[in-house]
N, C-alpha and C. Protein backbone atom coordinates (compact mmCIF):
# COMPACT_ATOMS: atom_id res chain seq x y z
N MET A 1 85.65 70.89 117.49
CA MET A 1 86.37 72.08 117.95
C MET A 1 86.37 72.10 119.48
N THR A 2 87.55 72.13 120.07
CA THR A 2 87.65 72.09 121.53
C THR A 2 87.27 73.42 122.14
N ASP A 3 86.94 73.37 123.44
CA ASP A 3 86.58 74.60 124.15
C ASP A 3 87.74 75.59 124.16
N SER A 4 88.99 75.08 124.33
CA SER A 4 90.15 75.98 124.37
C SER A 4 90.35 76.67 123.02
N TRP A 5 90.11 75.92 121.93
CA TRP A 5 90.24 76.51 120.59
C TRP A 5 89.17 77.57 120.37
N GLN A 6 87.92 77.24 120.74
CA GLN A 6 86.82 78.18 120.56
C GLN A 6 87.04 79.45 121.36
N LYS A 7 87.49 79.30 122.60
CA LYS A 7 87.75 80.47 123.45
C LYS A 7 88.87 81.32 122.87
N ALA A 8 89.94 80.67 122.38
CA ALA A 8 91.04 81.40 121.78
C ALA A 8 90.59 82.12 120.52
N ALA A 9 89.77 81.45 119.71
CA ALA A 9 89.28 82.07 118.47
C ALA A 9 88.42 83.29 118.77
N GLU A 10 87.63 83.22 119.80
CA GLU A 10 86.79 84.37 120.17
C GLU A 10 87.65 85.55 120.59
N GLU A 11 88.71 85.28 121.37
CA GLU A 11 89.62 86.37 121.76
C GLU A 11 90.34 86.93 120.53
N PHE A 12 90.78 86.04 119.64
CA PHE A 12 91.46 86.45 118.42
C PHE A 12 90.57 87.41 117.62
N MET A 13 89.34 87.03 117.40
CA MET A 13 88.44 87.84 116.57
C MET A 13 88.08 89.16 117.25
N ALA A 14 87.96 89.15 118.58
CA ALA A 14 87.69 90.39 119.31
C ALA A 14 88.86 91.36 119.19
N VAL A 15 90.08 90.86 119.30
CA VAL A 15 91.26 91.71 119.15
C VAL A 15 91.39 92.22 117.72
N ALA A 16 91.14 91.34 116.75
CA ALA A 16 91.19 91.76 115.35
C ALA A 16 90.21 92.90 115.08
N GLN A 17 89.01 92.78 115.66
CA GLN A 17 88.00 93.82 115.50
C GLN A 17 88.46 95.12 116.13
N ARG A 18 89.04 95.05 117.31
CA ARG A 18 89.51 96.26 118.00
C ARG A 18 90.63 96.95 117.22
N LEU A 19 91.59 96.17 116.74
CA LEU A 19 92.69 96.75 115.97
C LEU A 19 92.16 97.44 114.71
N TRP A 20 91.18 96.84 114.07
CA TRP A 20 90.56 97.44 112.88
C TRP A 20 89.87 98.75 113.24
N GLN A 21 89.08 98.72 114.30
CA GLN A 21 88.34 99.91 114.71
C GLN A 21 89.27 101.05 115.11
N ARG A 22 90.41 100.71 115.69
CA ARG A 22 91.37 101.71 116.14
C ARG A 22 92.29 102.19 115.01
N GLY A 23 92.13 101.62 113.81
CA GLY A 23 92.92 102.04 112.67
C GLY A 23 94.35 101.56 112.69
N LEU A 24 94.62 100.47 113.41
CA LEU A 24 95.99 99.95 113.48
C LEU A 24 96.31 98.96 112.38
N VAL A 25 95.29 98.53 111.64
CA VAL A 25 95.51 97.61 110.53
C VAL A 25 94.70 98.08 109.33
N ALA A 26 95.15 97.68 108.13
CA ALA A 26 94.44 97.98 106.90
C ALA A 26 94.54 96.78 105.98
N GLY A 27 93.41 96.39 105.38
CA GLY A 27 93.42 95.25 104.47
C GLY A 27 93.92 94.01 105.16
N SER A 28 94.77 93.25 104.46
CA SER A 28 95.31 92.01 105.02
C SER A 28 96.68 92.22 105.65
N GLY A 29 97.07 93.47 105.87
CA GLY A 29 98.36 93.76 106.48
C GLY A 29 98.40 93.40 107.95
N GLY A 30 99.58 93.00 108.41
CA GLY A 30 99.75 92.65 109.82
C GLY A 30 99.24 91.25 110.11
N ASN A 31 99.50 90.77 111.31
CA ASN A 31 99.07 89.42 111.68
C ASN A 31 99.05 89.27 113.19
N LEU A 32 98.23 88.34 113.65
CA LEU A 32 98.06 88.06 115.07
C LEU A 32 98.34 86.59 115.34
N SER A 33 98.74 86.30 116.56
CA SER A 33 98.90 84.91 116.98
C SER A 33 98.73 84.81 118.48
N MET A 34 98.42 83.61 118.95
CA MET A 34 98.30 83.38 120.39
C MET A 34 98.52 81.90 120.69
N ARG A 35 99.07 81.65 121.89
CA ARG A 35 99.23 80.26 122.34
C ARG A 35 97.85 79.68 122.64
N ILE A 36 97.73 78.39 122.40
CA ILE A 36 96.51 77.67 122.76
C ILE A 36 96.69 77.08 124.15
N THR A 37 95.82 77.47 125.07
CA THR A 37 95.92 77.01 126.45
C THR A 37 95.95 75.49 126.52
N GLY A 38 96.88 74.97 127.32
CA GLY A 38 96.96 73.53 127.53
C GLY A 38 97.66 72.78 126.42
N SER A 39 98.35 73.49 125.52
CA SER A 39 99.05 72.81 124.44
C SER A 39 100.34 73.57 124.12
N SER A 40 101.14 72.99 123.22
CA SER A 40 102.35 73.66 122.75
C SER A 40 102.11 74.26 121.37
N HIS A 41 100.87 74.48 121.03
CA HIS A 41 100.50 74.97 119.70
C HIS A 41 100.12 76.44 119.73
N VAL A 42 100.14 77.04 118.55
CA VAL A 42 99.85 78.46 118.39
C VAL A 42 98.75 78.64 117.35
N MET A 43 97.82 79.52 117.63
CA MET A 43 96.81 79.94 116.65
C MET A 43 97.36 81.16 115.93
N ILE A 44 97.27 81.15 114.60
CA ILE A 44 97.80 82.27 113.82
C ILE A 44 96.93 82.51 112.60
N SER A 45 96.91 83.75 112.15
CA SER A 45 96.13 84.09 110.97
C SER A 45 96.79 83.50 109.72
N PRO A 46 95.96 83.08 108.75
CA PRO A 46 96.52 82.55 107.50
C PRO A 46 96.97 83.68 106.58
N SER A 47 97.87 83.37 105.69
CA SER A 47 98.36 84.35 104.73
C SER A 47 97.25 84.76 103.77
N GLY A 48 97.17 86.06 103.49
CA GLY A 48 96.25 86.56 102.48
C GLY A 48 94.84 86.83 102.96
N ILE A 49 94.54 86.57 104.22
CA ILE A 49 93.21 86.84 104.76
C ILE A 49 93.33 87.89 105.85
N ALA A 50 92.56 88.96 105.73
CA ALA A 50 92.60 90.02 106.74
C ALA A 50 92.21 89.45 108.10
N ASN A 51 92.89 89.90 109.14
CA ASN A 51 92.58 89.41 110.48
C ASN A 51 91.11 89.56 110.82
N ILE A 52 90.52 90.67 110.40
CA ILE A 52 89.13 90.95 110.75
C ILE A 52 88.17 89.99 110.05
N ASP A 53 88.63 89.35 108.97
CA ASP A 53 87.78 88.41 108.23
C ASP A 53 87.96 86.97 108.69
N CYS A 54 88.86 86.74 109.63
CA CYS A 54 89.10 85.38 110.11
C CYS A 54 87.93 84.87 110.95
N LYS A 55 87.70 83.58 110.84
CA LYS A 55 86.70 82.88 111.65
C LYS A 55 87.38 81.66 112.25
N PRO A 56 86.76 81.04 113.27
CA PRO A 56 87.41 79.88 113.90
C PRO A 56 87.86 78.83 112.89
N GLU A 57 87.07 78.61 111.86
CA GLU A 57 87.40 77.57 110.88
C GLU A 57 88.49 77.99 109.90
N THR A 58 88.83 79.27 109.82
CA THR A 58 89.88 79.70 108.89
C THR A 58 91.22 79.90 109.58
N LEU A 59 91.23 79.94 110.91
CA LEU A 59 92.48 80.12 111.65
C LEU A 59 93.30 78.83 111.64
N LEU A 60 94.61 78.99 111.68
CA LEU A 60 95.51 77.85 111.62
C LEU A 60 96.09 77.51 112.99
N ARG A 61 96.29 76.21 113.22
CA ARG A 61 97.00 75.74 114.40
C ARG A 61 98.36 75.23 113.94
N VAL A 62 99.42 75.78 114.51
CA VAL A 62 100.77 75.37 114.13
C VAL A 62 101.55 75.01 115.39
N ASP A 63 102.61 74.20 115.20
CA ASP A 63 103.50 73.96 116.32
C ASP A 63 104.58 75.03 116.34
N LEU A 64 105.47 74.97 117.32
CA LEU A 64 106.46 76.04 117.48
C LEU A 64 107.55 76.02 116.41
N ASN A 65 107.52 74.99 115.56
CA ASN A 65 108.44 74.94 114.43
C ASN A 65 107.77 75.35 113.12
N GLY A 66 106.48 75.72 113.20
CA GLY A 66 105.78 76.20 112.02
C GLY A 66 105.00 75.16 111.26
N LYS A 67 105.00 73.91 111.72
CA LYS A 67 104.24 72.86 111.03
C LYS A 67 102.76 73.07 111.27
N VAL A 68 101.96 73.06 110.19
CA VAL A 68 100.51 73.24 110.31
C VAL A 68 99.89 71.96 110.85
N ILE A 69 99.23 72.08 112.00
CA ILE A 69 98.57 70.95 112.65
C ILE A 69 97.14 70.81 112.16
N SER A 70 96.46 71.94 111.99
CA SER A 70 95.10 71.92 111.47
C SER A 70 94.80 73.23 110.77
N GLY A 71 93.84 73.17 109.85
CA GLY A 71 93.48 74.34 109.07
C GLY A 71 94.05 74.26 107.66
N GLU A 72 93.50 75.07 106.77
CA GLU A 72 93.92 75.06 105.38
C GLU A 72 94.67 76.35 105.04
N GLY A 73 95.59 76.24 104.10
CA GLY A 73 96.39 77.40 103.70
C GLY A 73 97.71 77.41 104.42
N ARG A 74 98.44 78.50 104.24
CA ARG A 74 99.75 78.62 104.87
C ARG A 74 99.69 79.73 105.91
N PRO A 75 100.50 79.62 106.97
CA PRO A 75 100.51 80.67 108.00
C PRO A 75 100.97 82.01 107.43
N SER A 76 100.62 83.06 108.11
CA SER A 76 101.08 84.40 107.75
C SER A 76 102.57 84.39 107.45
N LYS A 77 102.99 85.21 106.48
CA LYS A 77 104.39 85.20 106.07
C LYS A 77 105.35 85.66 107.16
N ASP A 78 104.81 86.30 108.21
CA ASP A 78 105.66 86.71 109.32
C ASP A 78 105.61 85.71 110.48
N SER A 79 105.04 84.53 110.24
CA SER A 79 104.86 83.57 111.33
C SER A 79 106.18 83.16 111.97
N ALA A 80 107.28 83.18 111.19
CA ALA A 80 108.56 82.72 111.75
C ALA A 80 109.00 83.55 112.93
N PHE A 81 108.82 84.88 112.87
CA PHE A 81 109.26 85.65 114.04
C PHE A 81 108.26 85.56 115.19
N HIS A 82 106.98 85.33 114.89
CA HIS A 82 106.02 85.05 115.98
C HIS A 82 106.50 83.83 116.75
N LEU A 83 106.79 82.76 116.03
CA LEU A 83 107.19 81.50 116.68
C LEU A 83 108.54 81.64 117.36
N GLY A 84 109.44 82.44 116.78
CA GLY A 84 110.73 82.69 117.42
C GLY A 84 110.55 83.34 118.78
N ILE A 85 109.60 84.29 118.86
CA ILE A 85 109.33 84.95 120.16
C ILE A 85 108.78 83.94 121.16
N TYR A 86 107.82 83.11 120.72
CA TYR A 86 107.24 82.13 121.64
C TYR A 86 108.29 81.14 122.15
N ARG A 87 109.22 80.78 121.30
CA ARG A 87 110.23 79.79 121.71
C ARG A 87 111.14 80.32 122.81
N ILE A 88 111.45 81.62 122.78
CA ILE A 88 112.37 82.15 123.79
C ILE A 88 111.66 82.86 124.95
N ARG A 89 110.33 83.08 124.80
CA ARG A 89 109.59 83.82 125.83
C ARG A 89 108.35 83.03 126.28
N PRO A 90 108.52 82.11 127.22
CA PRO A 90 107.36 81.34 127.70
C PRO A 90 106.30 82.22 128.36
N ASP A 91 106.67 83.44 128.76
CA ASP A 91 105.69 84.35 129.36
C ASP A 91 104.76 84.98 128.33
N VAL A 92 105.13 84.96 127.06
CA VAL A 92 104.33 85.59 126.01
C VAL A 92 103.23 84.63 125.56
N GLN A 93 102.00 85.11 125.60
CA GLN A 93 100.85 84.31 125.17
C GLN A 93 100.18 84.88 123.92
N GLY A 94 100.53 86.11 123.55
CA GLY A 94 99.93 86.71 122.36
C GLY A 94 100.90 87.67 121.70
N VAL A 95 100.86 87.72 120.35
CA VAL A 95 101.73 88.60 119.57
C VAL A 95 100.89 89.35 118.55
N VAL A 96 101.08 90.66 118.49
CA VAL A 96 100.42 91.52 117.50
C VAL A 96 101.49 92.14 116.61
N HIS A 97 101.36 91.96 115.31
CA HIS A 97 102.21 92.67 114.34
C HIS A 97 101.30 93.53 113.48
N ALA A 98 101.53 94.83 113.48
CA ALA A 98 100.67 95.75 112.74
C ALA A 98 101.50 96.74 111.93
N HIS A 99 101.02 97.04 110.74
CA HIS A 99 101.71 98.00 109.85
C HIS A 99 101.22 99.41 110.15
N VAL A 100 101.46 99.86 111.35
CA VAL A 100 100.91 101.12 111.84
C VAL A 100 101.67 102.33 111.28
N PRO A 101 100.96 103.40 110.91
CA PRO A 101 101.62 104.51 110.22
C PRO A 101 102.58 105.34 111.05
N TRP A 102 102.22 105.69 112.29
CA TRP A 102 103.09 106.57 113.07
C TRP A 102 104.38 105.86 113.46
N SER A 103 104.28 104.62 113.88
CA SER A 103 105.48 103.85 114.23
C SER A 103 106.38 103.66 113.02
N THR A 104 105.78 103.35 111.88
CA THR A 104 106.56 103.18 110.66
C THR A 104 107.24 104.49 110.27
N ALA A 105 106.51 105.60 110.36
CA ALA A 105 107.07 106.91 110.02
C ALA A 105 108.28 107.22 110.90
N LEU A 106 108.19 106.88 112.17
CA LEU A 106 109.29 107.18 113.08
C LEU A 106 110.56 106.43 112.67
N THR A 107 110.40 105.19 112.21
CA THR A 107 111.59 104.44 111.78
C THR A 107 112.18 105.06 110.51
N LEU A 108 111.34 105.63 109.67
CA LEU A 108 111.83 106.26 108.44
C LEU A 108 112.50 107.61 108.70
N LEU A 109 112.25 108.17 109.88
CA LEU A 109 112.91 109.43 110.26
C LEU A 109 114.30 109.20 110.85
N GLY A 110 114.68 107.94 110.99
CA GLY A 110 116.04 107.65 111.43
C GLY A 110 116.19 107.32 112.90
N TYR A 111 115.10 107.21 113.65
CA TYR A 111 115.19 106.88 115.07
C TYR A 111 115.61 105.43 115.26
N LYS A 112 116.40 105.17 116.28
CA LYS A 112 116.87 103.82 116.59
C LYS A 112 116.10 103.20 117.76
N GLU A 113 115.34 104.03 118.46
CA GLU A 113 114.41 103.52 119.46
C GLU A 113 113.27 104.51 119.61
N LEU A 114 112.18 104.06 120.19
CA LEU A 114 110.99 104.89 120.36
C LEU A 114 111.18 105.85 121.53
N PRO A 115 111.11 107.16 121.29
CA PRO A 115 111.19 108.11 122.41
C PRO A 115 109.96 107.97 123.32
N LEU A 116 110.20 107.82 124.60
CA LEU A 116 109.10 107.64 125.56
C LEU A 116 108.90 108.94 126.32
N PHE A 117 108.06 109.82 125.78
CA PHE A 117 107.91 111.16 126.35
C PHE A 117 106.95 111.22 127.53
N THR A 118 106.05 110.25 127.66
CA THR A 118 105.05 110.33 128.73
C THR A 118 105.38 109.36 129.85
N PRO A 119 105.01 109.69 131.08
CA PRO A 119 105.24 108.77 132.21
C PRO A 119 104.57 107.41 131.99
N HIS A 120 103.39 107.42 131.37
CA HIS A 120 102.68 106.16 131.12
C HIS A 120 103.49 105.26 130.18
N ALA A 121 104.01 105.85 129.10
CA ALA A 121 104.83 105.07 128.16
C ALA A 121 106.09 104.56 128.84
N GLN A 122 106.71 105.40 129.64
CA GLN A 122 107.93 104.99 130.33
C GLN A 122 107.67 103.81 131.27
N ALA A 123 106.53 103.84 131.96
CA ALA A 123 106.20 102.78 132.92
C ALA A 123 105.82 101.48 132.22
N LYS A 124 105.11 101.58 131.11
CA LYS A 124 104.57 100.38 130.45
C LYS A 124 105.51 99.79 129.39
N LEU A 125 106.29 100.64 128.73
CA LEU A 125 107.06 100.18 127.58
C LEU A 125 108.55 99.98 127.88
N HIS A 126 109.09 100.67 128.88
CA HIS A 126 110.50 100.54 129.29
C HIS A 126 111.46 100.98 128.19
N LYS A 127 111.65 100.18 127.17
CA LYS A 127 112.51 100.53 126.04
C LYS A 127 112.02 99.79 124.80
N VAL A 128 111.87 100.52 123.70
CA VAL A 128 111.38 99.94 122.46
C VAL A 128 112.38 100.26 121.36
N GLN A 129 113.13 99.26 120.93
CA GLN A 129 114.16 99.49 119.93
C GLN A 129 113.61 99.34 118.51
N VAL A 130 114.35 99.86 117.54
CA VAL A 130 114.00 99.70 116.13
C VAL A 130 114.84 98.57 115.55
N VAL A 131 114.16 97.58 114.99
CA VAL A 131 114.83 96.45 114.34
C VAL A 131 115.16 96.86 112.90
N PRO A 132 116.40 96.67 112.45
CA PRO A 132 116.76 97.06 111.09
C PRO A 132 115.90 96.37 110.04
N TYR A 133 115.79 97.00 108.88
CA TYR A 133 114.95 96.44 107.82
C TYR A 133 115.53 95.13 107.29
N ALA A 134 114.65 94.19 107.06
CA ALA A 134 114.95 92.96 106.33
C ALA A 134 113.65 92.51 105.68
N PRO A 135 113.71 91.87 104.53
CA PRO A 135 112.48 91.45 103.84
C PRO A 135 111.64 90.48 104.68
N SER A 136 110.32 90.54 104.50
CA SER A 136 109.44 89.56 105.15
C SER A 136 109.84 88.15 104.74
N GLU A 137 109.70 87.23 105.67
CA GLU A 137 110.02 85.81 105.49
C GLU A 137 111.52 85.53 105.47
N SER A 138 112.35 86.57 105.60
CA SER A 138 113.79 86.33 105.56
C SER A 138 114.29 85.83 106.92
N GLN A 139 115.38 85.07 106.87
CA GLN A 139 116.00 84.60 108.11
C GLN A 139 116.52 85.76 108.95
N GLU A 140 116.98 86.82 108.27
CA GLU A 140 117.50 87.99 108.98
C GLU A 140 116.41 88.63 109.83
N LEU A 141 115.23 88.82 109.22
CA LEU A 141 114.14 89.45 109.97
C LEU A 141 113.75 88.60 111.17
N THR A 142 113.61 87.31 110.95
CA THR A 142 113.25 86.42 112.06
C THR A 142 114.28 86.48 113.18
N ALA A 143 115.56 86.45 112.82
CA ALA A 143 116.63 86.47 113.83
C ALA A 143 116.64 87.79 114.58
N TRP A 144 116.50 88.91 113.86
CA TRP A 144 116.58 90.21 114.50
C TRP A 144 115.37 90.49 115.40
N VAL A 145 114.18 90.11 114.95
CA VAL A 145 113.00 90.32 115.78
C VAL A 145 113.06 89.44 117.02
N THR A 146 113.42 88.18 116.83
CA THR A 146 113.52 87.28 117.98
C THR A 146 114.54 87.80 118.99
N GLU A 147 115.67 88.25 118.51
CA GLU A 147 116.71 88.79 119.39
C GLU A 147 116.21 90.02 120.15
N ALA A 148 115.40 90.84 119.51
CA ALA A 148 114.89 92.06 120.16
C ALA A 148 114.04 91.74 121.37
N PHE A 149 113.46 90.52 121.42
CA PHE A 149 112.57 90.15 122.53
C PHE A 149 113.23 89.17 123.50
N ASN A 150 114.57 89.16 123.56
CA ASN A 150 115.25 88.17 124.39
C ASN A 150 115.16 88.47 125.88
N SER A 151 114.67 89.64 126.26
CA SER A 151 114.47 89.98 127.67
C SER A 151 112.99 90.06 127.99
N GLN A 152 112.60 89.57 129.17
CA GLN A 152 111.20 89.62 129.55
C GLN A 152 110.71 91.04 129.80
N LYS A 153 111.63 91.99 129.88
CA LYS A 153 111.23 93.39 130.04
C LYS A 153 110.74 94.00 128.73
N VAL A 154 111.08 93.36 127.60
CA VAL A 154 110.72 93.91 126.29
C VAL A 154 109.30 93.50 125.94
N VAL A 155 108.46 94.50 125.66
CA VAL A 155 107.08 94.23 125.29
C VAL A 155 106.75 94.68 123.87
N ALA A 156 107.69 95.38 123.22
CA ALA A 156 107.42 95.85 121.86
C ALA A 156 108.72 96.19 121.15
N ALA A 157 108.65 96.18 119.83
CA ALA A 157 109.76 96.63 118.99
C ALA A 157 109.18 97.25 117.74
N LEU A 158 109.87 98.26 117.22
CA LEU A 158 109.50 98.83 115.92
C LEU A 158 110.32 98.13 114.84
N LEU A 159 109.71 97.91 113.69
CA LEU A 159 110.40 97.29 112.56
C LEU A 159 110.60 98.36 111.50
N GLU A 160 111.83 98.60 111.11
CA GLU A 160 112.12 99.62 110.12
C GLU A 160 111.33 99.36 108.84
N GLN A 161 110.56 100.36 108.42
CA GLN A 161 109.72 100.31 107.23
C GLN A 161 108.57 99.31 107.33
N HIS A 162 108.32 98.75 108.51
CA HIS A 162 107.45 97.58 108.58
C HIS A 162 106.55 97.57 109.82
N GLY A 163 106.33 98.70 110.44
CA GLY A 163 105.39 98.74 111.56
C GLY A 163 105.99 98.35 112.89
N MET A 164 105.28 97.50 113.63
CA MET A 164 105.72 97.15 114.97
C MET A 164 105.23 95.78 115.38
N VAL A 165 105.84 95.28 116.47
CA VAL A 165 105.45 94.02 117.08
C VAL A 165 105.25 94.27 118.56
N ALA A 166 104.13 93.77 119.11
CA ALA A 166 103.86 93.90 120.54
C ALA A 166 103.50 92.54 121.10
N VAL A 167 103.87 92.30 122.34
CA VAL A 167 103.59 91.02 122.98
C VAL A 167 102.91 91.24 124.32
N GLY A 168 102.29 90.16 124.83
CA GLY A 168 101.64 90.27 126.13
C GLY A 168 101.32 88.91 126.72
N GLY A 169 100.88 88.93 127.96
CA GLY A 169 100.47 87.71 128.64
C GLY A 169 99.18 87.14 128.11
N THR A 170 98.44 87.95 127.33
CA THR A 170 97.28 87.52 126.56
C THR A 170 97.34 88.27 125.24
N LEU A 171 96.53 87.85 124.27
CA LEU A 171 96.49 88.59 123.02
C LEU A 171 95.91 89.98 123.24
N GLN A 172 94.93 90.09 124.13
CA GLN A 172 94.37 91.41 124.44
C GLN A 172 95.42 92.32 125.06
N ALA A 173 96.26 91.77 125.94
CA ALA A 173 97.33 92.57 126.54
C ALA A 173 98.31 93.04 125.48
N ALA A 174 98.62 92.18 124.51
CA ALA A 174 99.50 92.59 123.41
C ALA A 174 98.85 93.69 122.58
N CYS A 175 97.54 93.60 122.39
CA CYS A 175 96.80 94.65 121.68
C CYS A 175 96.91 95.98 122.41
N ASN A 176 96.77 95.94 123.74
CA ASN A 176 96.87 97.17 124.54
C ASN A 176 98.26 97.80 124.38
N ILE A 177 99.29 96.98 124.37
CA ILE A 177 100.66 97.48 124.17
C ILE A 177 100.78 98.09 122.78
N ALA A 178 100.23 97.42 121.77
CA ALA A 178 100.30 97.93 120.41
C ALA A 178 99.66 99.31 120.30
N GLU A 179 98.53 99.49 120.94
CA GLU A 179 97.86 100.79 120.92
C GLU A 179 98.72 101.86 121.58
N LEU A 180 99.33 101.51 122.71
CA LEU A 180 100.18 102.47 123.42
C LEU A 180 101.42 102.82 122.60
N VAL A 181 102.01 101.83 121.96
CA VAL A 181 103.18 102.09 121.12
C VAL A 181 102.83 103.07 120.00
N GLU A 182 101.70 102.85 119.34
CA GLU A 182 101.34 103.72 118.23
C GLU A 182 101.01 105.14 118.71
N GLU A 183 100.33 105.26 119.85
CA GLU A 183 100.08 106.58 120.43
C GLU A 183 101.39 107.28 120.77
N THR A 184 102.33 106.53 121.35
CA THR A 184 103.63 107.09 121.73
C THR A 184 104.42 107.51 120.50
N ALA A 185 104.34 106.71 119.44
CA ALA A 185 105.02 107.07 118.19
C ALA A 185 104.43 108.33 117.58
N GLN A 186 103.12 108.48 117.67
CA GLN A 186 102.47 109.70 117.15
C GLN A 186 102.98 110.93 117.90
N ILE A 187 103.05 110.83 119.22
CA ILE A 187 103.57 111.94 120.02
C ILE A 187 105.00 112.25 119.61
N ALA A 188 105.81 111.20 119.42
CA ALA A 188 107.21 111.39 119.07
C ALA A 188 107.37 112.07 117.71
N VAL A 189 106.55 111.70 116.74
CA VAL A 189 106.62 112.34 115.43
C VAL A 189 106.22 113.81 115.53
N LEU A 190 105.19 114.11 116.31
CA LEU A 190 104.76 115.50 116.47
C LEU A 190 105.83 116.33 117.17
N VAL A 191 106.48 115.74 118.16
CA VAL A 191 107.59 116.44 118.83
C VAL A 191 108.73 116.65 117.84
N HIS A 192 109.01 115.65 117.05
CA HIS A 192 110.06 115.75 116.02
C HIS A 192 109.78 116.92 115.07
N LEU A 193 108.54 117.03 114.64
CA LEU A 193 108.17 118.13 113.74
C LEU A 193 108.28 119.48 114.45
N GLY A 194 107.91 119.49 115.75
CA GLY A 194 108.01 120.73 116.52
C GLY A 194 109.44 121.17 116.74
N ASN A 195 110.35 120.19 116.73
CA ASN A 195 111.77 120.48 116.89
C ASN A 195 112.46 120.71 115.53
N ARG A 196 111.64 120.96 114.51
CA ARG A 196 112.13 121.23 113.16
C ARG A 196 112.93 120.07 112.59
N GLY A 197 112.44 118.87 112.88
CA GLY A 197 113.01 117.69 112.24
C GLY A 197 114.31 117.19 112.81
N GLN A 198 114.71 117.66 113.97
CA GLN A 198 115.97 117.19 114.57
C GLN A 198 115.74 115.82 115.25
N VAL A 199 116.55 114.84 114.88
CA VAL A 199 116.48 113.55 115.52
C VAL A 199 117.14 113.63 116.87
N LYS A 200 116.42 113.19 117.89
CA LYS A 200 116.94 113.22 119.27
C LYS A 200 117.51 111.87 119.66
């Protein structure tokens, strides 16, 4: 096991633990990935194993086309859009996909983008659009999510009925964005309820 792999695995597991503690993931839902320093490969969680239960030996190394380089099992079923983001965004080093409740609820209320009510959200998130629903592993979902991140200004997107995706210059930075998105979505849902359910 190389030093770069071990270091990446430690960051992966620390972020997985934080997301669990913050209530952004449940069971085996959601998935994480990160570029491996000094290579064109990506570390990603395997399908069917909760992120918090992953260990260095259970994580998968894949290339940008999804071919498994090392590890056993198959990559997370959402790996295609992770890799799509990496292919078009060399600045992205980590991707968090989480089935978060407030962000998901907002998409079910009919919003087409995340309302940014706080100055902090406006400064950090810029604009967060809602990607239309498509089944996991479908070409449509991969294409739509990848397209949503075609600008370097985009750091997050909501997925209709399916949570959210956040990116960053590190996996920890992507985690920080994910937390802010979910907090912002919670505020938006509460404002929505205060406005008697009117979509703004």
